[in-house]
Every structure is written in C-alpha cells, then in structure tokens.
C-alpha cells in the first residue's frame, strides 16, 4: 500500500479559499495547493457572463488519514448539505527520494 494519496476538489472560489485555510494545516496533509480560475459549467452562479469563479484544491495526504481528511473537507465545503462541487480521490502516490 502506498504511503500517500492525492485528493482533489473542484469547487466555487469562495468555498475553496475557506476550505484551503481550514484543511491545509490539518494532521495528515503533507501538501496543499489552491488554483483559481473561471469555469463555464458546474456552478449556477456566473459572475462573468457565462463563467463563474472556480477553484481547484489539491491535497497530498497520508494514506492512513485519508478518510478523516475527506470527512473534514466535505464538512468544510458543505458537501453533505448542498451541491458545492466535486471531491475525488486519485491514485496512490509513491514518495521518491
């Protein structure tokens, strides 16, 4: 079993900024990166005509703490209550020296 996993989220920009602040320093998060831009689909709020502000949050996490981190991320994004975006777990990562 690999030591690390990648978790990604495509979310609205404001939610991404909040989630990044809350999740980036959590136990088990090795690396966190937030990229923002505009998206023409997925989100109903369009601040720029056909486009809305979006964020992609990428986390590299300790495989043993994956479930706890996913639950924390879902809670911070409000995914359990409403449609706020997509969260996905990627393939296992191997640490290279």
Protein backbone atom coordinates (compact mmCIF):
# COMPACT_ATOMS: atom_id res chain seq x y z
CA UNK A 1 0.00 0.00 0.00
CA UNK A 2 1.24 3.48 -0.86
CA UNK A 3 2.05 5.99 1.84
CA UNK A 4 0.38 8.96 0.17
CA UNK A 5 -2.76 9.75 -1.81
CA UNK A 6 -3.91 12.73 -3.83
CA UNK A 7 -7.29 14.29 -3.08
CA UNK A 8 -8.72 16.90 -5.42
CA UNK A 9 -11.72 19.19 -5.32
CA UNK A 10 -13.37 21.38 -7.96
CA UNK A 11 -15.35 23.98 -6.06
CA UNK A 12 -16.57 27.56 -6.15
CA UNK A 13 -13.75 30.01 -5.46
CA UNK A 14 -15.05 31.39 -2.13
CA UNK A 15 -15.57 27.87 -0.78
CA UNK A 16 -12.11 26.87 -2.00
CA UNK A 17 -10.43 29.73 -0.15
CA UNK A 18 -12.21 28.82 3.08
CA UNK A 19 -11.53 25.10 2.72
CA UNK A 20 -7.86 25.70 1.93
CA UNK A 21 -7.41 27.77 5.08
CA UNK A 22 -9.16 25.15 7.21
CA UNK A 23 -7.71 21.97 5.71
CA UNK A 24 -4.14 22.85 4.64
CA UNK A 25 -2.72 22.61 8.16
CA UNK A 26 -4.70 19.55 9.24
CA UNK A 27 -2.93 16.46 10.56
CA UNK A 28 -2.06 14.14 7.70
CA UNK A 29 -1.97 16.82 4.99
CA UNK A 30 1.51 16.75 3.51
CA UNK A 31 0.93 19.35 0.79
CA UNK A 32 -1.96 21.64 -0.17
CA UNK A 33 -2.31 23.75 -3.31
CA UNK A 34 -5.14 26.03 -4.46
CA UNK A 35 -5.53 27.25 -8.03
CA UNK A 36 -8.31 29.64 -9.06
CA UNK A 37 -9.85 30.45 -12.43
CA UNK A 38 -13.15 30.57 -14.25
CA UNK A 39 -15.48 27.77 -15.24
CA UNK A 40 -18.38 27.72 -17.71
CA UNK A 41 -20.08 24.69 -16.14
CA UNK A 42 -20.87 23.02 -12.83
CA UNK A 43 -21.74 26.18 -10.89
CA UNK A 44 -25.00 28.09 -11.12
CA UNK A 45 -23.57 31.44 -10.03
CA UNK A 46 -21.95 33.17 -13.00
CA UNK A 47 -20.13 36.38 -12.08
CA UNK A 48 -18.71 36.89 -15.59
CA UNK A 49 -21.49 36.27 -18.12
CA UNK A 50 -21.17 32.60 -18.99
CA UNK A 51 -18.39 31.99 -16.46
CA UNK A 52 -18.19 31.66 -12.67
CA UNK A 53 -15.20 31.75 -10.37
CA UNK A 54 -13.87 28.30 -9.53
CA UNK A 55 -11.05 26.77 -7.52
CA UNK A 56 -9.15 23.52 -7.73
CA UNK A 57 -7.85 22.31 -4.38
CA UNK A 58 -5.18 19.60 -4.46
CA UNK A 59 -4.07 17.78 -1.32
CA UNK A 60 -1.33 15.20 -0.87
CA UNK A 61 -2.24 13.27 2.25
CA UNK A 62 -1.03 10.43 4.44
CA UNK A 63 -2.92 7.35 3.21
CA UNK A 64 -3.75 6.26 6.77
CA UNK A 65 -5.55 9.55 7.48
CA UNK A 66 -7.39 9.78 4.14
CA UNK A 67 -10.89 9.15 5.48
CA UNK A 68 -10.56 11.72 8.25
CA UNK A 69 -9.26 14.33 5.79
CA UNK A 70 -12.03 13.61 3.26
CA UNK A 71 -14.67 13.96 6.00
CA UNK A 72 -13.10 17.24 7.17
CA UNK A 73 -13.00 18.55 3.59
CA UNK A 74 -16.63 17.57 2.93
CA UNK A 75 -17.69 19.29 6.16
CA UNK A 76 -15.76 22.48 5.31
CA UNK A 77 -17.27 22.59 1.82
CA UNK A 78 -20.80 21.78 2.98
CA UNK A 79 -20.97 18.87 0.54
CA UNK A 80 -23.25 16.90 2.84
CA UNK A 81 -25.97 19.58 2.73
CA UNK A 82 -25.84 21.05 -0.80
CA UNK A 83 -24.22 20.86 -4.21
CA UNK A 84 -20.97 22.76 -3.78
CA UNK A 85 -18.62 20.95 -6.15
CA UNK A 86 -16.78 17.70 -6.69
CA UNK A 87 -14.25 15.93 -4.49
CA UNK A 88 -12.26 12.99 -5.79
CA UNK A 89 -9.54 10.66 -4.62
CA UNK A 90 -6.75 9.94 -7.06
CA UNK A 91 -4.39 7.03 -7.38
CA UNK A 92 -1.82 6.27 -4.74
CA UNK A 93 1.46 8.19 -4.81
CA UNK A 94 4.86 6.82 -4.01
CA UNK A 95 7.40 9.02 -2.30
CA UNK A 96 10.61 9.31 -4.28
CA UNK A 97 13.90 10.13 -2.62
